[in-house]
PDB file of N, CA and C in Angstrom:
ATOM      1  N   MET A   1      -7.463  -0.967   0.685  1.00  0.00           N
ATOM      2  CA  MET A   1      -7.708   0.449   0.848  1.00  0.00           C
ATOM      3  C   MET A   1      -7.408   1.124  -0.477  1.00  0.00           C
ATOM      4  N   THR A   2      -8.393   1.752  -1.064  1.00  0.00           N
ATOM      5  CA  THR A   2      -8.202   2.390  -2.355  1.00  0.00           C
ATOM      6  C   THR A   2      -8.255   3.906  -2.271  1.00  0.00           C
ATOM      7  N   GLU A   3      -8.584   4.440  -1.109  1.00  0.00           N
ATOM      8  CA  GLU A   3      -8.665   5.886  -0.950  1.00  0.00           C
ATOM      9  C   GLU A   3      -7.267   6.494  -1.021  1.00  0.00           C
ATOM     10  N   ALA A   4      -7.154   7.639  -1.692  1.00  0.00           N
ATOM     11  CA  ALA A   4      -5.892   8.366  -1.720  1.00  0.00           C
ATOM     12  C   ALA A   4      -5.675   9.026  -0.365  1.00  0.00           C
ATOM     13  N   VAL A   5      -4.439   8.990   0.107  1.00  0.00           N
ATOM     14  CA  VAL A   5      -4.079   9.628   1.368  1.00  0.00           C
ATOM     15  C   VAL A   5      -3.116  10.763   1.058  1.00  0.00           C
ATOM     16  N   ILE A   6      -3.456  11.950   1.537  1.00  0.00           N
ATOM     17  CA  ILE A   6      -2.611  13.131   1.373  1.00  0.00           C
ATOM     18  C   ILE A   6      -2.363  13.702   2.759  1.00  0.00           C
ATOM     19  N   ILE A   7      -1.116  14.059   3.017  1.00  0.00           N
ATOM     20  CA  ILE A   7      -0.793  14.713   4.286  1.00  0.00           C
ATOM     21  C   ILE A   7      -0.082  16.029   3.992  1.00  0.00           C
ATOM     22  N   TYR A   8      -0.620  17.084   4.565  1.00  0.00           N
ATOM     23  CA  TYR A   8       0.018  18.398   4.529  1.00  0.00           C
ATOM     24  C   TYR A   8       0.827  18.486   5.818  1.00  0.00           C
ATOM     25  N   SER A   9       2.111  18.809   5.699  1.00  0.00           N
ATOM     26  CA  SER A   9       2.972  18.768   6.873  1.00  0.00           C
ATOM     27  C   SER A   9       4.069  19.820   6.785  1.00  0.00           C
ATOM     28  N   ILE A  10       4.850  19.896   7.863  1.00  0.00           N
ATOM     29  CA  ILE A  10       6.117  20.617   7.862  1.00  0.00           C
ATOM     30  C   ILE A  10       7.142  19.693   8.525  1.00  0.00           C
ATOM     31  N   PRO A  11       8.415  19.836   8.182  1.00  0.00           N
ATOM     32  CA  PRO A  11       9.425  18.897   8.685  1.00  0.00           C
ATOM     33  C   PRO A  11       9.572  18.849  10.201  1.00  0.00           C
ATOM     34  N   THR A  12       9.317  19.930  10.903  1.00  0.00           N
ATOM     35  CA  THR A  12       9.542  19.975  12.350  1.00  0.00           C
ATOM     36  C   THR A  12       8.320  19.596  13.180  1.00  0.00           C
ATOM     37  N   CYS A  13       7.264  19.149  12.550  1.00  0.00           N
ATOM     38  CA  CYS A  13       6.014  18.812  13.239  1.00  0.00           C
ATOM     39  C   CYS A  13       6.060  17.366  13.736  1.00  0.00           C
ATOM     40  N   GLY A  14       6.039  17.197  15.053  1.00  0.00           N
ATOM     41  CA  GLY A  14       6.070  15.859  15.638  1.00  0.00           C
ATOM     42  C   GLY A  14       4.871  15.005  15.255  1.00  0.00           C
ATOM     43  N   ASP A  15       3.678  15.589  15.262  1.00  0.00           N
ATOM     44  CA  ASP A  15       2.467  14.839  14.916  1.00  0.00           C
ATOM     45  C   ASP A  15       2.493  14.441  13.439  1.00  0.00           C
ATOM     46  N   CYS A  16       3.055  15.318  12.595  1.00  0.00           N
ATOM     47  CA  CYS A  16       3.200  14.996  11.161  1.00  0.00           C
ATOM     48  C   CYS A  16       4.114  13.784  10.996  1.00  0.00           C
ATOM     49  N   ASN A  17       5.257  13.824  11.701  1.00  0.00           N
ATOM     50  CA  ASN A  17       6.216  12.730  11.602  1.00  0.00           C
ATOM     51  C   ASN A  17       5.637  11.431  12.142  1.00  0.00           C
ATOM     52  N   HIS A  18       4.844  11.523  13.189  1.00  0.00           N
ATOM     53  CA  HIS A  18       4.161  10.345  13.740  1.00  0.00           C
ATOM     54  C   HIS A  18       3.223   9.743  12.685  1.00  0.00           C
ATOM     55  N   ALA A  19       2.453  10.603  12.013  1.00  0.00           N
ATOM     56  CA  ALA A  19       1.527  10.130  10.977  1.00  0.00           C
ATOM     57  C   ALA A  19       2.273   9.455   9.833  1.00  0.00           C
ATOM     58  N   LYS A  20       3.341  10.079   9.356  1.00  0.00           N
ATOM     59  CA  LYS A  20       4.098   9.501   8.240  1.00  0.00           C
ATOM     60  C   LYS A  20       4.726   8.172   8.638  1.00  0.00           C
ATOM     61  N   ARG A  21       5.230   8.096   9.875  1.00  0.00           N
ATOM     62  CA  ARG A  21       5.794   6.827  10.371  1.00  0.00           C
ATOM     63  C   ARG A  21       4.704   5.749  10.425  1.00  0.00           C
ATOM     64  N   TYR A  22       3.525   6.108  10.905  1.00  0.00           N
ATOM     65  CA  TYR A  22       2.399   5.166  10.957  1.00  0.00           C
ATOM     66  C   TYR A  22       2.055   4.657   9.556  1.00  0.00           C
ATOM     67  N   PHE A  23       1.958   5.575   8.587  1.00  0.00           N
ATOM     68  CA  PHE A  23       1.630   5.174   7.215  1.00  0.00           C
ATOM     69  C   PHE A  23       2.694   4.229   6.655  1.00  0.00           C
ATOM     70  N   LYS A  24       3.965   4.564   6.872  1.00  0.00           N
ATOM     71  CA  LYS A  24       5.054   3.712   6.362  1.00  0.00           C
ATOM     72  C   LYS A  24       5.026   2.333   7.011  1.00  0.00           C
ATOM     73  N   GLU A  25       4.896   2.299   8.339  1.00  0.00           N
ATOM     74  CA  GLU A  25       4.890   1.024   9.067  1.00  0.00           C
ATOM     75  C   GLU A  25       3.718   0.140   8.662  1.00  0.00           C
ATOM     76  N   ASN A  26       2.613   0.754   8.257  1.00  0.00           N
ATOM     77  CA  ASN A  26       1.427   0.000   7.860  1.00  0.00           C
ATOM     78  C   ASN A  26       1.280  -0.113   6.347  1.00  0.00           C
ATOM     79  N   GLU A  27       2.368   0.254   5.638  1.00  0.00           N
ATOM     80  CA  GLU A  27       2.432   0.141   4.177  1.00  0.00           C
ATOM     81  C   GLU A  27       1.255   0.828   3.494  1.00  0.00           C
ATOM     82  N   ILE A  28       0.960   2.036   3.969  1.00  0.00           N
ATOM     83  CA  ILE A  28      -0.111   2.853   3.395  1.00  0.00           C
ATOM     84  C   ILE A  28       0.544   3.925   2.531  1.00  0.00           C
ATOM     85  N   SER A  29       0.243   3.903   1.255  1.00  0.00           N
ATOM     86  CA  SER A  29       0.795   4.913   0.349  1.00  0.00           C
ATOM     87  C   SER A  29       0.185   6.260   0.670  1.00  0.00           C
ATOM     88  N   TYR A  30       1.008   7.285   0.583  1.00  0.00           N
ATOM     89  CA  TYR A  30       0.499   8.628   0.817  1.00  0.00           C
ATOM     90  C   TYR A  30       1.311   9.625   0.002  1.00  0.00           C
ATOM     91  N   THR A  31       0.715  10.774  -0.213  1.00  0.00           N
ATOM     92  CA  THR A  31       1.389  11.884  -0.859  1.00  0.00           C
ATOM     93  C   THR A  31       1.575  12.960   0.190  1.00  0.00           C
ATOM     94  N   GLU A  32       2.800  13.462   0.289  1.00  0.00           N
ATOM     95  CA  GLU A  32       3.088  14.506   1.273  1.00  0.00           C
ATOM     96  C   GLU A  32       3.255  15.848   0.575  1.00  0.00           C
ATOM     97  N   TYR A  33       2.621  16.867   1.138  1.00  0.00           N
ATOM     98  CA  TYR A  33       2.773  18.231   0.669  1.00  0.00           C
ATOM     99  C   TYR A  33       3.389  19.043   1.807  1.00  0.00           C
ATOM    100  N   ASP A  34       4.592  19.545   1.588  1.00  0.00           N
ATOM    101  CA  ASP A  34       5.329  20.298   2.601  1.00  0.00           C
ATOM    102  C   ASP A  34       4.927  21.768   2.541  1.00  0.00           C
ATOM    103  N   CYS A  35       4.188  22.201   3.536  1.00  0.00           N
ATOM    104  CA  CYS A  35       3.677  23.574   3.587  1.00  0.00           C
ATOM    105  C   CYS A  35       4.782  24.594   3.847  1.00  0.00           C
ATOM    106  N   GLU A  36       5.917  24.136   4.329  1.00  0.00           N
ATOM    107  CA  GLU A  36       7.017  25.049   4.616  1.00  0.00           C
ATOM    108  C   GLU A  36       7.784  25.416   3.348  1.00  0.00           C
ATOM    109  N   THR A  37       7.927  24.474   2.440  1.00  0.00           N
ATOM    110  CA  THR A  37       8.700  24.748   1.222  1.00  0.00           C
ATOM    111  C   THR A  37       7.840  25.296   0.090  1.00  0.00           C
ATOM    112  N   ASP A  38       6.530  25.102   0.159  1.00  0.00           N
ATOM    113  CA  ASP A  38       5.656  25.624  -0.893  1.00  0.00           C
ATOM    114  C   ASP A  38       4.393  26.202  -0.256  1.00  0.00           C
ATOM    115  N   THR A  39       4.278  27.511  -0.288  1.00  0.00           N
ATOM    116  CA  THR A  39       3.165  28.181   0.384  1.00  0.00           C
ATOM    117  C   THR A  39       1.806  27.894  -0.248  1.00  0.00           C
ATOM    118  N   LYS A  40       1.799  27.377  -1.482  1.00  0.00           N
ATOM    119  CA  LYS A  40       0.492  27.040  -2.066  1.00  0.00           C
ATOM    120  C   LYS A  40      -0.172  25.924  -1.261  1.00  0.00           C
ATOM    121  N   TYR A  41       0.640  25.040  -0.654  1.00  0.00           N
ATOM    122  CA  TYR A  41       0.062  23.980   0.167  1.00  0.00           C
ATOM    123  C   TYR A  41      -0.505  24.547   1.471  1.00  0.00           C
ATOM    124  N   ALA A  42       0.160  25.549   2.031  1.00  0.00           N
ATOM    125  CA  ALA A  42      -0.371  26.208   3.230  1.00  0.00           C
ATOM    126  C   ALA A  42      -1.714  26.858   2.916  1.00  0.00           C
ATOM    127  N   LYS A  43      -1.844  27.432   1.730  1.00  0.00           N
ATOM    128  CA  LYS A  43      -3.121  28.035   1.310  1.00  0.00           C
ATOM    129  C   LYS A  43      -4.192  26.955   1.152  1.00  0.00           C
ATOM    130  N   GLU A  44      -3.804  25.797   0.599  1.00  0.00           N
ATOM    131  CA  GLU A  44      -4.775  24.699   0.455  1.00  0.00           C
ATOM    132  C   GLU A  44      -5.285  24.256   1.825  1.00  0.00           C
ATOM    133  N   VAL A  45      -4.392  24.190   2.811  1.00  0.00           N
ATOM    134  CA  VAL A  45      -4.798  23.820   4.173  1.00  0.00           C
ATOM    135  C   VAL A  45      -5.787  24.857   4.708  1.00  0.00           C
ATOM    136  N   MET A  46      -5.497  26.121   4.498  1.00  0.00           N
ATOM    137  CA  MET A  46      -6.399  27.192   4.950  1.00  0.00           C
ATOM    138  C   MET A  46      -7.762  27.063   4.277  1.00  0.00           C
ATOM    139  N   ASP A  47      -7.762  26.751   2.988  1.00  0.00           N
ATOM    140  CA  ASP A  47      -9.025  26.581   2.261  1.00  0.00           C
ATOM    141  C   ASP A  47      -9.811  25.376   2.785  1.00  0.00           C
ATOM    142  N   LEU A  48      -9.105  24.311   3.154  1.00  0.00           N
ATOM    143  CA  LEU A  48      -9.758  23.090   3.633  1.00  0.00           C
ATOM    144  C   LEU A  48     -10.285  23.216   5.058  1.00  0.00           C
ATOM    145  N   THR A  49      -9.520  23.897   5.915  1.00  0.00           N
ATOM    146  CA  THR A  49      -9.819  23.866   7.349  1.00  0.00           C
ATOM    147  C   THR A  49     -10.172  25.211   7.959  1.00  0.00           C
ATOM    148  N   GLY A  50      -9.854  26.291   7.251  1.00  0.00           N
ATOM    149  CA  GLY A  50     -10.040  27.608   7.829  1.00  0.00           C
ATOM    150  C   GLY A  50      -8.933  27.974   8.800  1.00  0.00           C
ATOM    151  N   LYS A  51      -7.906  27.134   8.885  1.00  0.00           N
ATOM    152  CA  LYS A  51      -6.786  27.330   9.816  1.00  0.00           C
ATOM    153  C   LYS A  51      -5.481  27.029   9.087  1.00  0.00           C
ATOM    154  N   GLN A  52      -4.390  27.466   9.671  1.00  0.00           N
ATOM    155  CA  GLN A  52      -3.077  27.055   9.192  1.00  0.00           C
ATOM    156  C   GLN A  52      -2.556  26.058  10.213  1.00  0.00           C
ATOM    157  N   ILE A  53      -2.866  24.795   9.992  1.00  0.00           N
ATOM    158  CA  ILE A  53      -2.539  23.769  10.974  1.00  0.00           C
ATOM    159  C   ILE A  53      -2.104  22.494  10.267  1.00  0.00           C
ATOM    160  N   VAL A  54      -1.055  21.892  10.801  1.00  0.00           N
ATOM    161  CA  VAL A  54      -0.581  20.609  10.287  1.00  0.00           C
ATOM    162  C   VAL A  54      -0.446  19.651  11.459  1.00  0.00           C
ATOM    163  N   PRO A  55      -0.559  18.370  11.219  1.00  0.00           N
ATOM    164  CA  PRO A  55      -0.889  17.795   9.928  1.00  0.00           C
ATOM    165  C   PRO A  55      -2.369  17.965   9.602  1.00  0.00           C
ATOM    166  N   THR A  56      -2.615  18.200   8.356  1.00  0.00           N
ATOM    167  CA  THR A  56      -3.959  18.089   7.805  1.00  0.00           C
ATOM    168  C   THR A  56      -3.901  16.890   6.879  1.00  0.00           C
ATOM    169  N   ILE A  57      -4.772  15.943   7.106  1.00  0.00           N
ATOM    170  CA  ILE A  57      -4.747  14.676   6.371  1.00  0.00           C
ATOM    171  C   ILE A  57      -6.058  14.527   5.615  1.00  0.00           C
ATOM    172  N   LEU A  58      -5.936  14.234   4.337  1.00  0.00           N
ATOM    173  CA  LEU A  58      -7.108  13.959   3.496  1.00  0.00           C
ATOM    174  C   LEU A  58      -7.106  12.478   3.159  1.00  0.00           C
ATOM    175  N   ILE A  59      -8.241  11.851   3.378  1.00  0.00           N
ATOM    176  CA  ILE A  59      -8.434  10.455   2.970  1.00  0.00           C
ATOM    177  C   ILE A  59      -9.762  10.431   2.237  1.00  0.00           C
ATOM    178  N   GLY A  60      -9.668  10.308   0.918  1.00  0.00           N
ATOM    179  CA  GLY A  60     -10.873  10.427   0.110  1.00  0.00           C
ATOM    180  C   GLY A  60     -11.439  11.827   0.291  1.00  0.00           C
ATOM    181  N   ASP A  61     -12.696  11.913   0.735  1.00  0.00           N
ATOM    182  CA  ASP A  61     -13.310  13.224   0.934  1.00  0.00           C
ATOM    183  C   ASP A  61     -13.333  13.647   2.402  1.00  0.00           C
ATOM    184  N   LYS A  62     -12.661  12.889   3.269  1.00  0.00           N
ATOM    185  CA  LYS A  62     -12.611  13.223   4.701  1.00  0.00           C
ATOM    186  C   LYS A  62     -11.352  14.028   5.006  1.00  0.00           C
ATOM    187  N   VAL A  63     -11.523  15.064   5.826  1.00  0.00           N
ATOM    188  CA  VAL A  63     -10.417  15.928   6.235  1.00  0.00           C
ATOM    189  C   VAL A  63     -10.200  15.749   7.735  1.00  0.00           C
ATOM    190  N   PHE A  64      -8.947  15.466   8.103  1.00  0.00           N
ATOM    191  CA  PHE A  64      -8.583  15.314   9.511  1.00  0.00           C
ATOM    192  C   PHE A  64      -7.560  16.382   9.868  1.00  0.00           C
ATOM    193  N   VAL A  65      -7.799  17.095  10.949  1.00  0.00           N
ATOM    194  CA  VAL A  65      -6.846  18.073  11.458  1.00  0.00           C
ATOM    195  C   VAL A  65      -6.181  17.428  12.667  1.00  0.00           C
ATOM    196  N   GLY A  66      -4.902  17.140  12.532  1.00  0.00           N
ATOM    197  CA  GLY A  66      -4.180  16.426  13.575  1.00  0.00           C
ATOM    198  C   GLY A  66      -4.204  14.936  13.307  1.00  0.00           C
ATOM    199  N   PHE A  67      -3.227  14.240  13.854  1.00  0.00           N
ATOM    200  CA  PHE A  67      -3.146  12.794  13.645  1.00  0.00           C
ATOM    201  C   PHE A  67      -3.474  12.013  14.905  1.00  0.00           C
ATOM    202  N   ALA A  68      -2.759  12.272  15.990  1.00  0.00           N
ATOM    203  CA  ALA A  68      -2.912  11.459  17.200  1.00  0.00           C
ATOM    204  C   ALA A  68      -4.362  11.407  17.678  1.00  0.00           C
ATOM    205  N   GLU A  69      -5.030  12.569  17.692  1.00  0.00           N
ATOM    206  CA  GLU A  69      -6.412  12.597  18.179  1.00  0.00           C
ATOM    207  C   GLU A  69      -7.409  11.973  17.201  1.00  0.00           C
ATOM    208  N   ASN A  70      -6.961  11.712  15.966  1.00  0.00           N
ATOM    209  CA  ASN A  70      -7.828  11.098  14.953  1.00  0.00           C
ATOM    210  C   ASN A  70      -7.380   9.695  14.564  1.00  0.00           C
ATOM    211  N   LEU A  71      -6.385   9.166  15.282  1.00  0.00           N
ATOM    212  CA  LEU A  71      -5.791   7.879  14.907  1.00  0.00           C
ATOM    213  C   LEU A  71      -6.819   6.759  14.788  1.00  0.00           C
ATOM    214  N   LEU A  72      -7.720   6.640  15.735  1.00  0.00           N
ATOM    215  CA  LEU A  72      -8.702   5.554  15.695  1.00  0.00           C
ATOM    216  C   LEU A  72      -9.560   5.639  14.438  1.00  0.00           C
ATOM    217  N   GLU A  73     -10.089   6.818  14.146  1.00  0.00           N
ATOM    218  CA  GLU A  73     -10.936   6.977  12.965  1.00  0.00           C
ATOM    219  C   GLU A  73     -10.138   6.775  11.674  1.00  0.00           C
ATOM    220  N   ILE A  74      -8.907   7.290  11.648  1.00  0.00           N
ATOM    221  CA  ILE A  74      -8.056   7.108  10.460  1.00  0.00           C
ATOM    222  C   ILE A  74      -7.738   5.642  10.239  1.00  0.00           C
ATOM    223  N   SER A  75      -7.365   4.922  11.309  1.00  0.00           N
ATOM    224  CA  SER A  75      -7.013   3.511  11.157  1.00  0.00           C
ATOM    225  C   SER A  75      -8.226   2.683  10.723  1.00  0.00           C
ATOM    226  N   GLU A  76      -9.404   3.013  11.222  1.00  0.00           N
ATOM    227  CA  GLU A  76     -10.620   2.319  10.794  1.00  0.00           C
ATOM    228  C   GLU A  76     -10.899   2.569   9.315  1.00  0.00           C
ATOM    229  N   LEU A  77     -10.724   3.795   8.894  1.00  0.00           N
ATOM    230  CA  LEU A  77     -10.980   4.180   7.510  1.00  0.00           C
ATOM    231  C   LEU A  77     -10.003   3.501   6.544  1.00  0.00           C
ATOM    232  N   LEU A  78      -8.786   3.245   7.013  1.00  0.00           N
ATOM    233  CA  LEU A  78      -7.745   2.692   6.140  1.00  0.00           C
ATOM    234  C   LEU A  78      -7.670   1.171   6.160  1.00  0.00           C
ATOM    235  N   LYS A  79      -8.576   0.510   6.873  1.00  0.00           N
ATOM    236  CA  LYS A  79      -8.566  -0.971   6.922  1.00  0.00           C
ATOM    237  C   LYS A  79      -8.846  -1.561   5.577  1.00  0.00           C
TER     238      LYS A  79
END
């Protein structure tokens, strides 16, 4: 898997934590942007999705809003 993985999250988000745990358990490198500590990341999420919602996950040029409901597609993409 050569695609860069970026996750926009906040510390109290259960779905965000689930995604990060999944990435760690599957040894998938990712970059995390905490929207709570830096509002520029919250603005990036708004620009990407039109919403203020986490987790927002970028894999290459694909944008996923939410993790659990996108797990199958994300796992296929990261094979």
